[in-house]
Amino acid sequence: SDMVVRASDRALVARELSRLVDFAVRLPELGRGLTLVGGRKCHLGSHRVALPLWTGGGEMRSLYQFEPRELGIDRLDRPVVVRPHGPAAGHTPCEVLFWSEAGAGYALVTRPAHGD
Protein backbone atom coordinates (compact mmCIF):
# COMPACT_ATOMS: atom_id res chain seq x y z
CA SER A 1 0.00 0.00 0.00
CA ASP A 2 3.08 2.24 -0.09
CA MET A 3 3.47 5.08 -2.55
CA VAL A 4 5.00 3.97 -5.83
CA VAL A 5 5.44 7.48 -7.23
CA ARG A 6 6.93 9.98 -4.79
CA ALA A 7 6.88 13.41 -6.40
CA SER A 8 5.16 16.77 -6.21
CA ASP A 9 5.44 17.50 -9.94
CA ARG A 10 1.97 17.12 -11.45
CA ALA A 11 3.14 16.17 -14.95
CA LEU A 12 5.51 13.54 -13.60
CA VAL A 13 2.93 11.99 -11.27
CA ALA A 14 0.29 11.93 -14.03
CA ARG A 15 2.71 10.35 -16.49
CA GLU A 16 3.95 7.68 -14.09
CA LEU A 17 0.45 6.80 -12.87
CA SER A 18 -0.82 6.60 -16.47
CA ARG A 19 1.91 4.09 -17.20
CA LEU A 20 0.98 2.02 -14.12
CA VAL A 21 -2.79 1.88 -14.69
CA ASP A 22 -2.74 1.86 -18.50
CA PHE A 23 -5.14 4.77 -19.02
CA ALA A 24 -4.70 8.54 -19.18
CA VAL A 25 -4.48 9.96 -15.67
CA ARG A 26 -5.45 13.64 -15.34
CA LEU A 27 -4.87 15.49 -12.09
CA PRO A 28 -7.70 17.98 -11.57
CA GLU A 29 -7.24 21.24 -9.71
CA LEU A 30 -8.06 20.54 -6.06
CA GLY A 31 -7.53 24.04 -4.71
CA ARG A 32 -4.76 25.94 -2.97
CA GLY A 33 -3.11 24.74 0.19
CA LEU A 34 -2.88 21.16 -1.06
CA THR A 35 0.45 19.55 -1.85
CA LEU A 36 0.73 16.63 -4.23
CA VAL A 37 2.95 14.03 -2.56
CA GLY A 38 2.80 11.20 -5.11
CA GLY A 39 0.53 8.29 -5.81
CA ARG A 40 0.12 4.63 -6.61
CA LYS A 41 -1.89 2.09 -8.57
CA CYS A 42 -4.91 0.73 -6.76
CA HIS A 43 -7.88 -1.54 -7.49
CA LEU A 44 -11.64 -1.30 -7.15
CA GLY A 45 -12.53 -4.94 -7.43
CA SER A 46 -10.93 -6.05 -10.70
CA HIS A 47 -10.64 -2.52 -12.08
CA ARG A 48 -7.39 -0.55 -12.13
CA VAL A 49 -7.61 2.79 -10.40
CA ALA A 50 -5.08 5.64 -10.16
CA LEU A 51 -4.56 6.99 -6.67
CA PRO A 52 -2.69 10.32 -6.47
CA LEU A 53 -2.28 11.59 -2.91
CA TRP A 54 -2.42 15.14 -1.60
CA THR A 55 -1.83 16.52 1.86
CA GLY A 56 -2.77 19.86 3.42
CA GLY A 57 -4.95 21.54 6.02
CA GLY A 58 -4.50 18.71 8.51
CA GLU A 59 -6.25 16.29 6.18
CA MET A 60 -5.14 13.56 3.81
CA ARG A 61 -6.93 13.46 0.46
CA SER A 62 -6.93 10.37 -1.69
CA LEU A 63 -8.15 10.92 -5.23
CA TYR A 64 -9.24 7.78 -7.04
CA GLN A 65 -9.46 8.20 -10.82
CA PHE A 66 -11.30 5.52 -12.75
CA GLU A 67 -12.73 4.88 -16.19
CA PRO A 68 -16.48 5.52 -15.68
CA ARG A 69 -17.56 3.10 -18.43
CA GLU A 70 -15.54 0.30 -16.83
CA LEU A 71 -17.56 0.67 -13.65
CA GLY A 72 -20.87 0.98 -15.49
CA ILE A 73 -21.17 4.70 -14.77
CA ASP A 74 -21.70 6.48 -18.07
CA ARG A 75 -21.64 9.90 -16.51
CA LEU A 76 -22.23 11.66 -13.25
CA ASP A 77 -24.64 14.50 -13.97
CA ARG A 78 -23.63 16.34 -10.83
CA PRO A 79 -21.13 15.89 -8.00
CA VAL A 80 -22.33 13.54 -5.26
CA VAL A 81 -21.08 13.55 -1.66
CA VAL A 82 -21.19 10.31 0.33
CA ARG A 83 -20.41 10.00 4.04
CA PRO A 84 -19.86 6.30 4.72
CA HIS A 85 -20.95 4.95 8.09
CA GLY A 86 -20.87 1.55 9.72
CA PRO A 87 -18.16 -0.99 8.88
CA ALA A 88 -17.47 0.61 5.47
CA ALA A 89 -16.25 3.80 7.14
CA GLY A 90 -13.56 2.13 9.21
CA HIS A 91 -12.38 3.90 12.34
CA THR A 92 -11.84 7.40 10.98
CA PRO A 93 -14.66 9.57 9.65
CA CYS A 94 -14.38 10.36 5.98
CA GLU A 95 -16.24 12.04 3.17
CA VAL A 96 -16.26 10.93 -0.45
CA LEU A 97 -16.96 13.31 -3.34
CA PHE A 98 -17.72 11.69 -6.73
CA TRP A 99 -17.63 13.67 -9.97
CA SER A 100 -16.70 13.34 -13.62
CA GLU A 101 -14.68 15.69 -15.78
CA ALA A 102 -13.38 15.36 -19.35
CA GLY A 103 -14.39 11.71 -19.58
CA ALA A 104 -12.69 10.71 -16.33
CA GLY A 105 -14.44 9.68 -13.13
CA TYR A 106 -13.12 10.77 -9.74
CA ALA A 107 -13.74 9.87 -6.10
CA LEU A 108 -12.05 12.16 -3.58
CA VAL A 109 -11.77 10.72 -0.06
CA THR A 110 -11.01 13.22 2.70
CA ARG A 111 -10.12 12.10 6.22
CA PRO A 112 -8.15 13.53 9.14
CA ALA A 113 -4.40 13.25 8.54
CA HIS A 114 -4.00 11.39 11.85
CA GLY A 115 -6.60 8.74 12.60
CA ASP A 116 -8.05 8.61 16.08
C-alpha atoms as a PDB file:
ATOM      1  CA  SER A   1       0.000   0.000   0.000  1.00  0.00           C
ATOM      2  CA  ASP A   2       3.075   2.244  -0.090  1.00  0.00           C
ATOM      3  CA  MET A   3       3.474   5.081  -2.547  1.00  0.00           C
ATOM      4  CA  VAL A   4       4.999   3.974  -5.834  1.00  0.00           C
ATOM      5  CA  VAL A   5       5.444   7.481  -7.232  1.00  0.00           C
ATOM      6  CA  ARG A   6       6.935   9.981  -4.792  1.00  0.00           C
ATOM      7  CA  ALA A   7       6.883  13.406  -6.404  1.00  0.00           C
ATOM      8  CA  SER A   8       5.156  16.767  -6.214  1.00  0.00           C
ATOM      9  CA  ASP A   9       5.444  17.496  -9.938  1.00  0.00           C
ATOM     10  CA  ARG A  10       1.969  17.122 -11.455  1.00  0.00           C
ATOM     11  CA  ALA A  11       3.137  16.171 -14.953  1.00  0.00           C
ATOM     12  CA  LEU A  12       5.514  13.541 -13.596  1.00  0.00           C
ATOM     13  CA  VAL A  13       2.932  11.994 -11.268  1.00  0.00           C
ATOM     14  CA  ALA A  14       0.289  11.928 -14.031  1.00  0.00           C
ATOM     15  CA  ARG A  15       2.713  10.350 -16.491  1.00  0.00           C
ATOM     16  CA  GLU A  16       3.953   7.676 -14.093  1.00  0.00           C
ATOM     17  CA  LEU A  17       0.450   6.804 -12.874  1.00  0.00           C
ATOM     18  CA  SER A  18      -0.822   6.601 -16.471  1.00  0.00           C
ATOM     19  CA  ARG A  19       1.911   4.089 -17.196  1.00  0.00           C
ATOM     20  CA  LEU A  20       0.978   2.024 -14.120  1.00  0.00           C
ATOM     21  CA  VAL A  21      -2.791   1.878 -14.689  1.00  0.00           C
ATOM     22  CA  ASP A  22      -2.735   1.856 -18.498  1.00  0.00           C
ATOM     23  CA  PHE A  23      -5.138   4.770 -19.018  1.00  0.00           C
ATOM     24  CA  ALA A  24      -4.696   8.538 -19.178  1.00  0.00           C
ATOM     25  CA  VAL A  25      -4.477   9.963 -15.673  1.00  0.00           C
ATOM     26  CA  ARG A  26      -5.446  13.640 -15.339  1.00  0.00           C
ATOM     27  CA  LEU A  27      -4.869  15.492 -12.090  1.00  0.00           C
ATOM     28  CA  PRO A  28      -7.704  17.979 -11.571  1.00  0.00           C
ATOM     29  CA  GLU A  29      -7.243  21.243  -9.708  1.00  0.00           C
ATOM     30  CA  LEU A  30      -8.057  20.545  -6.060  1.00  0.00           C
ATOM     31  CA  GLY A  31      -7.526  24.038  -4.708  1.00  0.00           C
ATOM     32  CA  ARG A  32      -4.762  25.943  -2.974  1.00  0.00           C
ATOM     33  CA  GLY A  33      -3.107  24.740   0.193  1.00  0.00           C
ATOM     34  CA  LEU A  34      -2.883  21.156  -1.062  1.00  0.00           C
ATOM     35  CA  THR A  35       0.454  19.550  -1.847  1.00  0.00           C
ATOM     36  CA  LEU A  36       0.732  16.629  -4.227  1.00  0.00           C
ATOM     37  CA  VAL A  37       2.945  14.031  -2.559  1.00  0.00           C
ATOM     38  CA  GLY A  38       2.796  11.199  -5.113  1.00  0.00           C
ATOM     39  CA  GLY A  39       0.530   8.292  -5.814  1.00  0.00           C
ATOM     40  CA  ARG A  40       0.117   4.626  -6.606  1.00  0.00           C
ATOM     41  CA  LYS A  41      -1.886   2.085  -8.566  1.00  0.00           C
ATOM     42  CA  CYS A  42      -4.909   0.729  -6.762  1.00  0.00           C
ATOM     43  CA  HIS A  43      -7.876  -1.541  -7.494  1.00  0.00           C
ATOM     44  CA  LEU A  44     -11.639  -1.296  -7.151  1.00  0.00           C
ATOM     45  CA  GLY A  45     -12.533  -4.943  -7.432  1.00  0.00           C
ATOM     46  CA  SER A  46     -10.933  -6.049 -10.696  1.00  0.00           C
ATOM     47  CA  HIS A  47     -10.638  -2.516 -12.077  1.00  0.00           C
ATOM     48  CA  ARG A  48      -7.390  -0.548 -12.132  1.00  0.00           C
ATOM     49  CA  VAL A  49      -7.612   2.795 -10.402  1.00  0.00           C
ATOM     50  CA  ALA A  50      -5.082   5.642 -10.164  1.00  0.00           C
ATOM     51  CA  LEU A  51      -4.555   6.992  -6.665  1.00  0.00           C
ATOM     52  CA  PRO A  52      -2.688  10.323  -6.472  1.00  0.00           C
ATOM     53  CA  LEU A  53      -2.281  11.588  -2.908  1.00  0.00           C
ATOM     54  CA  TRP A  54      -2.416  15.145  -1.599  1.00  0.00           C
ATOM     55  CA  THR A  55      -1.833  16.524   1.862  1.00  0.00           C
ATOM     56  CA  GLY A  56      -2.767  19.857   3.422  1.00  0.00           C
ATOM     57  CA  GLY A  57      -4.950  21.542   6.022  1.00  0.00           C
ATOM     58  CA  GLY A  58      -4.496  18.707   8.508  1.00  0.00           C
ATOM     59  CA  GLU A  59      -6.255  16.286   6.181  1.00  0.00           C
ATOM     60  CA  MET A  60      -5.139  13.559   3.805  1.00  0.00           C
ATOM     61  CA  ARG A  61      -6.932  13.458   0.459  1.00  0.00           C
ATOM     62  CA  SER A  62      -6.926  10.373  -1.692  1.00  0.00           C
ATOM     63  CA  LEU A  63      -8.148  10.920  -5.235  1.00  0.00           C
ATOM     64  CA  TYR A  64      -9.244   7.781  -7.042  1.00  0.00           C
ATOM     65  CA  GLN A  65      -9.461   8.200 -10.820  1.00  0.00           C
ATOM     66  CA  PHE A  66     -11.296   5.524 -12.749  1.00  0.00           C
ATOM     67  CA  GLU A  67     -12.726   4.876 -16.195  1.00  0.00           C
ATOM     68  CA  PRO A  68     -16.481   5.524 -15.682  1.00  0.00           C
ATOM     69  CA  ARG A  69     -17.560   3.104 -18.425  1.00  0.00           C
ATOM     70  CA  GLU A  70     -15.539   0.303 -16.827  1.00  0.00           C
ATOM     71  CA  LEU A  71     -17.560   0.669 -13.649  1.00  0.00           C
ATOM     72  CA  GLY A  72     -20.874   0.977 -15.491  1.00  0.00           C
ATOM     73  CA  ILE A  73     -21.171   4.695 -14.767  1.00  0.00           C
ATOM     74  CA  ASP A  74     -21.700   6.477 -18.074  1.00  0.00           C
ATOM     75  CA  ARG A  75     -21.636   9.898 -16.513  1.00  0.00           C
ATOM     76  CA  LEU A  76     -22.231  11.663 -13.251  1.00  0.00           C
ATOM     77  CA  ASP A  77     -24.644  14.503 -13.971  1.00  0.00           C
ATOM     78  CA  ARG A  78     -23.631  16.343 -10.828  1.00  0.00           C
ATOM     79  CA  PRO A  79     -21.128  15.888  -8.000  1.00  0.00           C
ATOM     80  CA  VAL A  80     -22.331  13.537  -5.256  1.00  0.00           C
ATOM     81  CA  VAL A  81     -21.075  13.548  -1.664  1.00  0.00           C
ATOM     82  CA  VAL A  82     -21.188  10.310   0.331  1.00  0.00           C
ATOM     83  CA  ARG A  83     -20.405   9.997   4.038  1.00  0.00           C
ATOM     84  CA  PRO A  84     -19.858   6.297   4.721  1.00  0.00           C
ATOM     85  CA  HIS A  85     -20.952   4.946   8.089  1.00  0.00           C
ATOM     86  CA  GLY A  86     -20.872   1.550   9.722  1.00  0.00           C
ATOM     87  CA  PRO A  87     -18.163  -0.986   8.883  1.00  0.00           C
ATOM     88  CA  ALA A  88     -17.472   0.606   5.470  1.00  0.00           C
ATOM     89  CA  ALA A  89     -16.252   3.798   7.135  1.00  0.00           C
ATOM     90  CA  GLY A  90     -13.555   2.129   9.211  1.00  0.00           C
ATOM     91  CA  HIS A  91     -12.383   3.898  12.337  1.00  0.00           C
ATOM     92  CA  THR A  92     -11.836   7.400  10.984  1.00  0.00           C
ATOM     93  CA  PRO A  93     -14.657   9.569   9.649  1.00  0.00           C
ATOM     94  CA  CYS A  94     -14.380  10.360   5.984  1.00  0.00           C
ATOM     95  CA  GLU A  95     -16.241  12.042   3.173  1.00  0.00           C
ATOM     96  CA  VAL A  96     -16.265  10.926  -0.451  1.00  0.00           C
ATOM     97  CA  LEU A  97     -16.964  13.311  -3.342  1.00  0.00           C
ATOM     98  CA  PHE A  98     -17.723  11.695  -6.725  1.00  0.00           C
ATOM     99  CA  TRP A  99     -17.629  13.671  -9.972  1.00  0.00           C
ATOM    100  CA  SER A 100     -16.705  13.339 -13.623  1.00  0.00           C
ATOM    101  CA  GLU A 101     -14.681  15.690 -15.784  1.00  0.00           C
ATOM    102  CA  ALA A 102     -13.378  15.360 -19.350  1.00  0.00           C
ATOM    103  CA  GLY A 103     -14.387  11.707 -19.576  1.00  0.00           C
ATOM    104  CA  ALA A 104     -12.690  10.710 -16.332  1.00  0.00           C
ATOM    105  CA  GLY A 105     -14.438   9.678 -13.129  1.00  0.00           C
ATOM    106  CA  TYR A 106     -13.119  10.768  -9.739  1.00  0.00           C
ATOM    107  CA  ALA A 107     -13.739   9.866  -6.104  1.00  0.00           C
ATOM    108  CA  LEU A 108     -12.053  12.165  -3.582  1.00  0.00           C
ATOM    109  CA  VAL A 109     -11.768  10.723  -0.058  1.00  0.00           C
ATOM    110  CA  THR A 110     -11.005  13.223   2.702  1.00  0.00           C
ATOM    111  CA  ARG A 111     -10.122  12.102   6.216  1.00  0.00           C
ATOM    112  CA  PRO A 112      -8.148  13.527   9.139  1.00  0.00           C
ATOM    113  CA  ALA A 113      -4.403  13.247   8.540  1.00  0.00           C
ATOM    114  CA  HIS A 114      -3.998  11.388  11.852  1.00  0.00           C
ATOM    115  CA  GLY A 115      -6.602   8.739  12.600  1.00  0.00           C
ATOM    116  CA  ASP A 116      -8.049   8.609  16.079  1.00  0.00           C
END
